[in-house]
Amino acid sequence: MKVDLTNLGTVNKNSVVLTNDKGRSVEIVFSYQTPVVVIGMGRQLVHENDWSTTTGKLLNEYEPDKKARVDDKTFNDYLGFVLNDLIVNN
């Protein structure tokens, strides 16, 4: 498994891309230490803003439509699903 960490410009914006041996990848965007965006399996999911205005600005970069963002359970279920798929299909 290859892991690439990228700072997206400020201390609170970071991205981790996990790539398995078959070239499949998942990107997770973090606000500080909290995952807030997951991009994998042809889909991008953005968490609704349960935090500060700083995190809200980051979420707006990925999904300006607040109605399109998902709740905590939906987000975490999908994050677990794509990470499991990445590992199982390694």
N, C-alpha and C. Protein backbone atom coordinates (compact mmCIF):
# COMPACT_ATOMS: atom_id res chain seq x y z
N MET A 1 0.85 -1.17 0.00
CA MET A 1 0.00 0.00 0.00
C MET A 1 0.90 1.23 0.00
N LYS A 2 0.61 2.15 -0.88
CA LYS A 2 1.33 3.41 -0.96
C LYS A 2 0.49 4.49 -0.29
N VAL A 3 1.12 5.35 0.50
CA VAL A 3 0.44 6.43 1.19
C VAL A 3 1.10 7.75 0.82
N ASP A 4 0.30 8.68 0.30
CA ASP A 4 0.81 10.01 -0.05
C ASP A 4 0.05 11.04 0.76
N LEU A 5 0.79 11.85 1.50
CA LEU A 5 0.22 12.93 2.29
C LEU A 5 0.54 14.25 1.62
N THR A 6 -0.48 15.09 1.44
CA THR A 6 -0.29 16.40 0.82
C THR A 6 -0.94 17.46 1.68
N ASN A 7 -0.20 18.51 1.97
CA ASN A 7 -0.79 19.67 2.63
C ASN A 7 -1.45 20.51 1.55
N LEU A 8 -2.68 20.94 1.77
CA LEU A 8 -3.45 21.68 0.77
C LEU A 8 -3.40 23.19 0.97
N GLY A 9 -2.38 23.65 1.70
CA GLY A 9 -2.17 25.10 1.78
C GLY A 9 -2.18 25.69 3.17
N THR A 10 -2.92 25.09 4.09
CA THR A 10 -2.95 25.60 5.46
C THR A 10 -2.88 24.42 6.43
N VAL A 11 -2.64 24.73 7.69
CA VAL A 11 -2.46 23.68 8.70
C VAL A 11 -3.68 22.77 8.82
N ASN A 12 -4.86 23.30 8.53
CA ASN A 12 -6.07 22.49 8.71
C ASN A 12 -6.48 21.70 7.47
N LYS A 13 -5.78 21.84 6.35
CA LYS A 13 -6.19 21.19 5.11
C LYS A 13 -5.11 20.22 4.64
N ASN A 14 -5.44 18.94 4.73
CA ASN A 14 -4.51 17.90 4.30
C ASN A 14 -5.26 16.81 3.56
N SER A 15 -4.55 16.13 2.68
CA SER A 15 -5.13 15.04 1.91
C SER A 15 -4.21 13.83 2.00
N VAL A 16 -4.82 12.67 2.16
CA VAL A 16 -4.09 11.41 2.14
C VAL A 16 -4.66 10.58 1.00
N VAL A 17 -3.78 10.10 0.13
CA VAL A 17 -4.19 9.20 -0.94
C VAL A 17 -3.57 7.84 -0.66
N LEU A 18 -4.43 6.84 -0.53
CA LEU A 18 -4.00 5.46 -0.32
C LEU A 18 -4.16 4.72 -1.64
N THR A 19 -3.10 4.08 -2.11
CA THR A 19 -3.14 3.35 -3.37
C THR A 19 -2.68 1.92 -3.12
N ASN A 20 -3.51 0.96 -3.51
CA ASN A 20 -3.13 -0.44 -3.30
C ASN A 20 -2.24 -0.93 -4.42
N ASP A 21 -1.80 -2.17 -4.33
CA ASP A 21 -0.86 -2.74 -5.29
C ASP A 21 -1.44 -2.87 -6.70
N LYS A 22 -2.75 -2.85 -6.81
CA LYS A 22 -3.40 -2.94 -8.12
C LYS A 22 -3.68 -1.57 -8.73
N GLY A 23 -3.27 -0.50 -8.02
CA GLY A 23 -3.45 0.85 -8.54
C GLY A 23 -4.77 1.51 -8.17
N ARG A 24 -5.59 0.83 -7.40
CA ARG A 24 -6.86 1.43 -6.94
C ARG A 24 -6.53 2.40 -5.81
N SER A 25 -7.25 3.53 -5.77
CA SER A 25 -6.91 4.51 -4.74
C SER A 25 -8.15 5.13 -4.12
N VAL A 26 -7.93 5.67 -2.93
CA VAL A 26 -8.94 6.41 -2.18
C VAL A 26 -8.26 7.66 -1.66
N GLU A 27 -8.91 8.80 -1.81
CA GLU A 27 -8.40 10.05 -1.25
C GLU A 27 -9.29 10.45 -0.08
N ILE A 28 -8.64 10.81 1.03
CA ILE A 28 -9.36 11.29 2.20
C ILE A 28 -8.83 12.68 2.50
N VAL A 29 -9.72 13.66 2.58
CA VAL A 29 -9.34 15.03 2.89
C VAL A 29 -9.69 15.27 4.36
N PHE A 30 -8.73 15.85 5.06
CA PHE A 30 -8.87 16.09 6.49
C PHE A 30 -8.93 17.57 6.80
N SER A 31 -9.76 17.93 7.76
CA SER A 31 -9.70 19.24 8.39
C SER A 31 -9.08 18.98 9.75
N TYR A 32 -7.88 19.47 9.93
CA TYR A 32 -7.06 19.10 11.10
C TYR A 32 -6.91 17.58 11.08
N GLN A 33 -7.40 16.85 12.08
CA GLN A 33 -7.26 15.39 12.10
C GLN A 33 -8.56 14.68 11.73
N THR A 34 -9.57 15.42 11.31
CA THR A 34 -10.88 14.85 11.06
C THR A 34 -11.12 14.64 9.56
N PRO A 35 -11.44 13.42 9.14
CA PRO A 35 -11.77 13.21 7.73
C PRO A 35 -13.12 13.88 7.41
N VAL A 36 -13.13 14.67 6.34
CA VAL A 36 -14.36 15.40 5.98
C VAL A 36 -14.78 15.17 4.53
N VAL A 37 -13.88 14.64 3.72
CA VAL A 37 -14.20 14.34 2.32
C VAL A 37 -13.57 12.99 2.00
N VAL A 38 -14.31 12.14 1.31
CA VAL A 38 -13.75 10.89 0.82
C VAL A 38 -14.06 10.79 -0.67
N ILE A 39 -13.01 10.47 -1.43
CA ILE A 39 -13.14 10.34 -2.87
C ILE A 39 -12.63 8.94 -3.23
N GLY A 40 -13.54 8.12 -3.70
CA GLY A 40 -13.15 6.76 -4.05
C GLY A 40 -14.29 6.03 -4.73
N MET A 41 -13.93 5.04 -5.53
CA MET A 41 -14.89 4.23 -6.26
C MET A 41 -15.81 5.09 -7.13
N GLY A 42 -15.24 6.15 -7.71
CA GLY A 42 -15.99 6.99 -8.62
C GLY A 42 -16.98 7.94 -7.98
N ARG A 43 -16.81 8.16 -6.69
CA ARG A 43 -17.77 9.00 -5.97
C ARG A 43 -17.04 9.89 -4.98
N GLN A 44 -17.57 11.08 -4.77
CA GLN A 44 -17.05 11.98 -3.74
C GLN A 44 -18.16 12.23 -2.73
N LEU A 45 -17.85 12.02 -1.45
CA LEU A 45 -18.80 12.31 -0.38
C LEU A 45 -18.20 13.36 0.53
N VAL A 46 -18.99 14.37 0.85
CA VAL A 46 -18.56 15.46 1.71
C VAL A 46 -19.45 15.46 2.95
N HIS A 47 -18.81 15.50 4.11
CA HIS A 47 -19.51 15.50 5.39
C HIS A 47 -20.19 16.84 5.61
N GLU A 48 -21.38 16.82 6.23
CA GLU A 48 -22.01 18.08 6.60
C GLU A 48 -21.14 18.76 7.66
N ASN A 49 -21.27 20.05 7.80
CA ASN A 49 -20.40 20.79 8.73
C ASN A 49 -20.92 20.69 10.15
N ASP A 50 -20.25 19.87 10.94
CA ASP A 50 -20.54 19.74 12.37
C ASP A 50 -19.50 20.48 13.20
N TRP A 51 -18.66 21.31 12.55
CA TRP A 51 -17.52 21.91 13.21
C TRP A 51 -17.53 23.43 13.06
N SER A 52 -16.37 23.99 12.81
CA SER A 52 -16.19 25.44 12.80
C SER A 52 -16.35 26.03 11.40
N THR A 53 -16.26 27.36 11.35
CA THR A 53 -16.30 28.04 10.05
C THR A 53 -15.06 27.72 9.22
N THR A 54 -13.96 27.43 9.89
CA THR A 54 -12.73 27.07 9.16
C THR A 54 -12.96 25.77 8.38
N THR A 55 -13.52 24.79 9.03
CA THR A 55 -13.84 23.53 8.34
C THR A 55 -14.91 23.76 7.29
N GLY A 56 -15.86 24.63 7.58
CA GLY A 56 -16.89 24.96 6.61
C GLY A 56 -16.32 25.50 5.31
N LYS A 57 -15.30 26.32 5.40
CA LYS A 57 -14.64 26.86 4.20
C LYS A 57 -14.04 25.74 3.36
N LEU A 58 -13.42 24.76 4.03
CA LEU A 58 -12.84 23.62 3.32
C LEU A 58 -13.95 22.80 2.66
N LEU A 59 -15.03 22.56 3.38
CA LEU A 59 -16.14 21.80 2.81
C LEU A 59 -16.72 22.51 1.59
N ASN A 60 -16.80 23.84 1.64
CA ASN A 60 -17.30 24.61 0.50
C ASN A 60 -16.44 24.44 -0.74
N GLU A 61 -15.15 24.21 -0.55
CA GLU A 61 -14.27 24.00 -1.70
C GLU A 61 -14.63 22.71 -2.44
N TYR A 62 -15.10 21.72 -1.71
CA TYR A 62 -15.42 20.42 -2.31
C TYR A 62 -16.90 20.28 -2.65
N GLU A 63 -17.77 20.89 -1.86
CA GLU A 63 -19.21 20.80 -2.11
C GLU A 63 -19.91 22.06 -1.62
N PRO A 64 -20.07 23.05 -2.50
CA PRO A 64 -20.73 24.29 -2.09
C PRO A 64 -22.21 24.11 -1.74
N ASP A 65 -22.84 23.08 -2.30
CA ASP A 65 -24.26 22.83 -2.03
C ASP A 65 -24.40 22.08 -0.70
N LYS A 66 -24.78 22.79 0.33
CA LYS A 66 -24.88 22.20 1.67
C LYS A 66 -25.88 21.06 1.72
N LYS A 67 -26.89 21.08 0.88
CA LYS A 67 -27.89 20.02 0.86
C LYS A 67 -27.34 18.71 0.30
N ALA A 68 -26.23 18.79 -0.44
CA ALA A 68 -25.64 17.59 -1.02
C ALA A 68 -24.67 16.88 -0.05
N ARG A 69 -24.37 17.52 1.04
CA ARG A 69 -23.46 16.92 2.03
C ARG A 69 -24.20 15.86 2.85
N VAL A 70 -23.44 14.94 3.43
CA VAL A 70 -24.06 13.80 4.11
C VAL A 70 -23.80 13.85 5.62
N ASP A 71 -24.66 13.15 6.35
CA ASP A 71 -24.54 13.08 7.80
C ASP A 71 -23.37 12.17 8.21
N ASP A 72 -23.09 12.18 9.51
CA ASP A 72 -21.94 11.45 10.05
C ASP A 72 -22.01 9.95 9.77
N LYS A 73 -23.16 9.33 9.99
CA LYS A 73 -23.28 7.89 9.77
C LYS A 73 -23.06 7.52 8.32
N THR A 74 -23.70 8.24 7.40
CA THR A 74 -23.54 7.97 5.97
C THR A 74 -22.08 8.14 5.56
N PHE A 75 -21.45 9.21 6.03
CA PHE A 75 -20.06 9.48 5.68
C PHE A 75 -19.16 8.35 6.19
N ASN A 76 -19.28 8.01 7.46
CA ASN A 76 -18.42 6.99 8.05
C ASN A 76 -18.66 5.61 7.46
N ASP A 77 -19.91 5.29 7.14
CA ASP A 77 -20.21 4.01 6.49
C ASP A 77 -19.52 3.93 5.13
N TYR A 78 -19.60 5.02 4.35
CA TYR A 78 -18.97 5.02 3.03
C TYR A 78 -17.45 4.98 3.14
N LEU A 79 -16.90 5.74 4.07
CA LEU A 79 -15.45 5.72 4.28
C LEU A 79 -14.99 4.30 4.60
N GLY A 80 -15.68 3.63 5.51
CA GLY A 80 -15.34 2.25 5.85
C GLY A 80 -15.47 1.32 4.66
N PHE A 81 -16.51 1.52 3.87
CA PHE A 81 -16.75 0.69 2.69
C PHE A 81 -15.61 0.81 1.68
N VAL A 82 -15.21 2.05 1.35
CA VAL A 82 -14.16 2.22 0.33
C VAL A 82 -12.79 1.76 0.85
N LEU A 83 -12.53 1.97 2.14
CA LEU A 83 -11.26 1.48 2.69
C LEU A 83 -11.22 -0.03 2.73
N ASN A 84 -12.32 -0.67 3.10
CA ASN A 84 -12.38 -2.12 3.09
C ASN A 84 -12.19 -2.65 1.68
N ASP A 85 -12.85 -2.03 0.71
CA ASP A 85 -12.72 -2.45 -0.69
C ASP A 85 -11.28 -2.31 -1.17
N LEU A 86 -10.62 -1.24 -0.75
CA LEU A 86 -9.22 -1.01 -1.15
C LEU A 86 -8.32 -2.12 -0.62
N ILE A 87 -8.56 -2.54 0.60
CA ILE A 87 -7.75 -3.59 1.22
C ILE A 87 -8.08 -4.97 0.66
N VAL A 88 -9.36 -5.27 0.56
CA VAL A 88 -9.78 -6.59 0.09
C VAL A 88 -9.35 -6.83 -1.36
N ASN A 89 -9.43 -5.78 -2.16
CA ASN A 89 -9.07 -5.91 -3.58
C ASN A 89 -7.62 -5.51 -3.86
N ASN A 90 -6.75 -5.72 -2.89
CA ASN A 90 -5.34 -5.38 -3.04
C ASN A 90 -4.61 -6.41 -3.85
